[in-house]
Amino acid sequence: MFGINRRRGGSGIPSRTAGRGEEAIAVLKDGSARYPEDRDVLLALITFNRDAGDLPTALEYAERLARIAPNGSGDTAAGQPPAE
């Protein structure tokens, strides 16, 4: 079904999530555990939790993202500096 596989070079976000927010959140939480500094996963967790009405959880993920990418830049998912 869904899965997060950063090795294939994709965004790592489940692409077939329409109407399946709870399932997507579960997959993204698993991805976040495996890739704790992945900006794409954190952004998706913020969005899905916000859309589900869970603002406290969305805020927790937003604060976590702010700690790892305080200026909103850098490719923390790949552990590389931003491309120039």
N, C-alpha and C. Protein backbone atom coordinates (compact mmCIF):
# COMPACT_ATOMS: atom_id res chain seq x y z
N MET A 1 0.85 -1.17 0.00
CA MET A 1 0.00 0.00 0.00
C MET A 1 0.90 1.23 0.00
N PHE A 2 0.95 1.96 1.11
CA PHE A 2 1.85 3.11 1.20
C PHE A 2 3.19 2.63 1.69
N GLY A 3 4.16 3.45 1.52
CA GLY A 3 5.46 3.19 2.09
C GLY A 3 6.36 4.37 1.83
N ILE A 4 7.31 4.53 2.68
CA ILE A 4 8.27 5.62 2.50
C ILE A 4 9.61 4.98 2.23
N ASN A 5 10.14 5.26 1.06
CA ASN A 5 11.41 4.71 0.66
C ASN A 5 12.25 5.84 0.10
N ARG A 6 13.09 6.42 0.91
CA ARG A 6 13.90 7.56 0.52
C ARG A 6 14.97 7.16 -0.49
N ARG A 7 15.32 5.89 -0.58
CA ARG A 7 16.39 5.48 -1.48
C ARG A 7 16.03 5.60 -2.94
N ARG A 8 14.76 5.64 -3.28
CA ARG A 8 14.37 5.73 -4.68
C ARG A 8 14.41 7.15 -5.20
N GLY A 9 14.67 8.11 -4.36
CA GLY A 9 14.82 9.48 -4.81
C GLY A 9 13.52 10.26 -4.91
N GLY A 10 12.41 9.68 -4.53
CA GLY A 10 11.14 10.39 -4.55
C GLY A 10 11.02 11.28 -3.34
N SER A 11 9.87 11.91 -3.21
CA SER A 11 9.66 12.80 -2.08
C SER A 11 9.49 12.03 -0.79
N GLY A 12 9.16 10.73 -0.89
CA GLY A 12 8.96 9.94 0.31
C GLY A 12 7.56 10.05 0.87
N ILE A 13 6.69 10.82 0.22
CA ILE A 13 5.34 11.01 0.71
C ILE A 13 4.40 10.05 -0.02
N PRO A 14 3.54 9.37 0.73
CA PRO A 14 2.59 8.48 0.05
C PRO A 14 1.78 9.25 -0.98
N SER A 15 1.67 8.71 -2.17
CA SER A 15 0.99 9.43 -3.25
C SER A 15 -0.48 9.10 -3.35
N ARG A 16 -0.91 8.01 -2.77
CA ARG A 16 -2.31 7.61 -2.88
C ARG A 16 -3.02 7.77 -1.54
N THR A 17 -3.18 9.03 -1.11
CA THR A 17 -3.70 9.27 0.22
C THR A 17 -5.08 9.89 0.26
N ALA A 18 -5.68 10.18 -0.88
CA ALA A 18 -6.98 10.87 -0.92
C ALA A 18 -8.00 10.10 -0.09
N GLY A 19 -8.58 10.78 0.89
CA GLY A 19 -9.61 10.17 1.72
C GLY A 19 -9.09 9.16 2.72
N ARG A 20 -7.81 9.08 2.89
CA ARG A 20 -7.22 8.08 3.78
C ARG A 20 -6.22 8.74 4.73
N GLY A 21 -6.64 9.85 5.30
CA GLY A 21 -5.74 10.64 6.15
C GLY A 21 -5.18 9.89 7.33
N GLU A 22 -6.01 9.11 8.02
CA GLU A 22 -5.52 8.39 9.20
C GLU A 22 -4.43 7.38 8.82
N GLU A 23 -4.66 6.69 7.71
CA GLU A 23 -3.66 5.72 7.25
C GLU A 23 -2.38 6.44 6.83
N ALA A 24 -2.53 7.56 6.14
CA ALA A 24 -1.36 8.33 5.72
C ALA A 24 -0.57 8.82 6.93
N ILE A 25 -1.28 9.31 7.95
CA ILE A 25 -0.60 9.78 9.16
C ILE A 25 0.20 8.64 9.79
N ALA A 26 -0.37 7.45 9.84
CA ALA A 26 0.34 6.31 10.43
C ALA A 26 1.62 6.00 9.66
N VAL A 27 1.53 6.02 8.34
CA VAL A 27 2.71 5.76 7.50
C VAL A 27 3.74 6.87 7.69
N LEU A 28 3.27 8.10 7.73
CA LEU A 28 4.19 9.22 7.90
C LEU A 28 4.87 9.20 9.26
N LYS A 29 4.14 8.80 10.30
CA LYS A 29 4.76 8.68 11.64
C LYS A 29 5.87 7.64 11.60
N ASP A 30 5.62 6.53 10.92
CA ASP A 30 6.65 5.50 10.77
C ASP A 30 7.85 6.07 10.02
N GLY A 31 7.56 6.81 8.95
CA GLY A 31 8.64 7.43 8.18
C GLY A 31 9.42 8.44 9.01
N SER A 32 8.71 9.17 9.84
CA SER A 32 9.38 10.15 10.70
C SER A 32 10.29 9.47 11.73
N ALA A 33 9.86 8.30 12.19
CA ALA A 33 10.71 7.56 13.13
C ALA A 33 11.99 7.10 12.45
N ARG A 34 11.87 6.70 11.18
CA ARG A 34 13.05 6.23 10.44
C ARG A 34 13.90 7.37 9.91
N TYR A 35 13.26 8.48 9.55
CA TYR A 35 13.94 9.63 8.96
C TYR A 35 13.54 10.88 9.73
N PRO A 36 14.02 11.04 10.95
CA PRO A 36 13.54 12.11 11.82
C PRO A 36 13.82 13.53 11.32
N GLU A 37 14.73 13.71 10.40
CA GLU A 37 15.02 15.05 9.90
C GLU A 37 14.55 15.24 8.46
N ASP A 38 13.61 14.44 8.02
CA ASP A 38 13.10 14.54 6.66
C ASP A 38 12.04 15.64 6.60
N ARG A 39 12.36 16.73 5.93
CA ARG A 39 11.45 17.88 5.84
C ARG A 39 10.14 17.51 5.17
N ASP A 40 10.19 16.71 4.11
CA ASP A 40 8.97 16.34 3.40
C ASP A 40 8.00 15.58 4.30
N VAL A 41 8.53 14.65 5.07
CA VAL A 41 7.68 13.87 5.97
C VAL A 41 7.10 14.78 7.04
N LEU A 42 7.92 15.65 7.62
CA LEU A 42 7.42 16.56 8.65
C LEU A 42 6.37 17.51 8.09
N LEU A 43 6.61 18.05 6.91
CA LEU A 43 5.62 18.94 6.29
C LEU A 43 4.30 18.20 6.04
N ALA A 44 4.39 16.97 5.60
CA ALA A 44 3.17 16.19 5.37
C ALA A 44 2.45 15.91 6.69
N LEU A 45 3.20 15.60 7.75
CA LEU A 45 2.59 15.37 9.05
C LEU A 45 1.90 16.64 9.56
N ILE A 46 2.53 17.78 9.35
CA ILE A 46 1.91 19.05 9.73
C ILE A 46 0.59 19.21 8.98
N THR A 47 0.63 19.02 7.67
CA THR A 47 -0.55 19.23 6.83
C THR A 47 -1.67 18.25 7.15
N PHE A 48 -1.35 16.96 7.23
CA PHE A 48 -2.39 15.96 7.49
C PHE A 48 -3.02 16.15 8.86
N ASN A 49 -2.19 16.45 9.87
CA ASN A 49 -2.74 16.66 11.21
C ASN A 49 -3.57 17.94 11.28
N ARG A 50 -3.11 18.99 10.61
CA ARG A 50 -3.90 20.23 10.55
C ARG A 50 -5.24 19.97 9.89
N ASP A 51 -5.20 19.28 8.74
CA ASP A 51 -6.43 19.01 8.00
C ASP A 51 -7.39 18.11 8.79
N ALA A 52 -6.84 17.26 9.66
CA ALA A 52 -7.67 16.39 10.49
C ALA A 52 -8.19 17.13 11.72
N GLY A 53 -7.77 18.37 11.90
CA GLY A 53 -8.22 19.16 13.04
C GLY A 53 -7.40 18.96 14.29
N ASP A 54 -6.27 18.25 14.17
CA ASP A 54 -5.40 18.01 15.33
C ASP A 54 -4.30 19.07 15.34
N LEU A 55 -4.68 20.27 15.71
CA LEU A 55 -3.74 21.39 15.68
C LEU A 55 -2.59 21.26 16.67
N PRO A 56 -2.81 20.74 17.89
CA PRO A 56 -1.67 20.57 18.80
C PRO A 56 -0.58 19.65 18.22
N THR A 57 -0.99 18.56 17.57
CA THR A 57 -0.01 17.66 16.98
C THR A 57 0.67 18.31 15.79
N ALA A 58 -0.10 19.02 14.97
CA ALA A 58 0.48 19.74 13.83
C ALA A 58 1.53 20.73 14.32
N LEU A 59 1.23 21.42 15.42
CA LEU A 59 2.18 22.38 15.98
C LEU A 59 3.44 21.69 16.48
N GLU A 60 3.30 20.52 17.09
CA GLU A 60 4.49 19.78 17.54
C GLU A 60 5.42 19.47 16.38
N TYR A 61 4.84 19.01 15.27
CA TYR A 61 5.66 18.71 14.09
C TYR A 61 6.26 19.99 13.49
N ALA A 62 5.51 21.07 13.53
CA ALA A 62 6.02 22.35 13.01
C ALA A 62 7.20 22.83 13.86
N GLU A 63 7.10 22.67 15.16
CA GLU A 63 8.21 23.07 16.04
C GLU A 63 9.43 22.19 15.79
N ARG A 64 9.20 20.91 15.57
CA ARG A 64 10.31 20.00 15.26
C ARG A 64 10.98 20.39 13.95
N LEU A 65 10.17 20.72 12.95
CA LEU A 65 10.72 21.17 11.67
C LEU A 65 11.51 22.46 11.85
N ALA A 66 11.02 23.37 12.65
CA ALA A 66 11.72 24.64 12.88
C ALA A 66 13.07 24.41 13.55
N ARG A 67 13.16 23.39 14.39
CA ARG A 67 14.46 23.11 15.04
C ARG A 67 15.49 22.57 14.06
N ILE A 68 15.06 21.76 13.10
CA ILE A 68 16.04 21.17 12.17
C ILE A 68 16.28 22.04 10.94
N ALA A 69 15.35 22.93 10.62
CA ALA A 69 15.50 23.82 9.47
C ALA A 69 15.00 25.21 9.88
N PRO A 70 15.74 25.88 10.78
CA PRO A 70 15.24 27.13 11.35
C PRO A 70 14.97 28.24 10.33
N ASN A 71 15.63 28.21 9.21
CA ASN A 71 15.41 29.23 8.19
C ASN A 71 14.53 28.72 7.06
N GLY A 72 14.01 27.51 7.20
CA GLY A 72 13.17 26.94 6.17
C GLY A 72 13.94 26.52 4.93
N SER A 73 15.26 26.37 5.05
CA SER A 73 16.05 26.01 3.89
C SER A 73 16.91 24.80 4.20
N GLY A 74 17.52 24.28 3.17
CA GLY A 74 18.41 23.14 3.33
C GLY A 74 17.68 21.85 3.04
N ASP A 75 18.40 20.91 2.50
CA ASP A 75 17.82 19.60 2.20
C ASP A 75 18.18 18.66 3.31
N THR A 76 17.45 18.77 4.42
CA THR A 76 17.76 17.93 5.58
C THR A 76 17.41 16.48 5.33
N ALA A 77 16.51 16.22 4.37
CA ALA A 77 16.12 14.83 4.11
C ALA A 77 17.30 14.01 3.62
N ALA A 78 18.10 14.60 2.77
CA ALA A 78 19.24 13.87 2.21
C ALA A 78 20.51 14.11 3.00
N GLY A 79 20.44 14.98 4.00
CA GLY A 79 21.63 15.27 4.78
C GLY A 79 22.65 16.06 4.01
N GLN A 80 22.22 16.75 2.97
CA GLN A 80 23.10 17.51 2.10
C GLN A 80 22.81 19.00 2.25
N PRO A 81 23.81 19.83 2.01
CA PRO A 81 23.52 21.28 1.98
C PRO A 81 22.67 21.62 0.77
N PRO A 82 21.97 22.75 0.80
CA PRO A 82 21.14 23.11 -0.36
C PRO A 82 21.97 23.26 -1.62
N ALA A 83 21.38 22.91 -2.75
CA ALA A 83 22.06 23.06 -4.04
C ALA A 83 22.24 24.53 -4.35
N GLU A 84 23.35 24.84 -4.97
CA GLU A 84 23.60 26.25 -5.31
C GLU A 84 23.29 26.54 -6.74
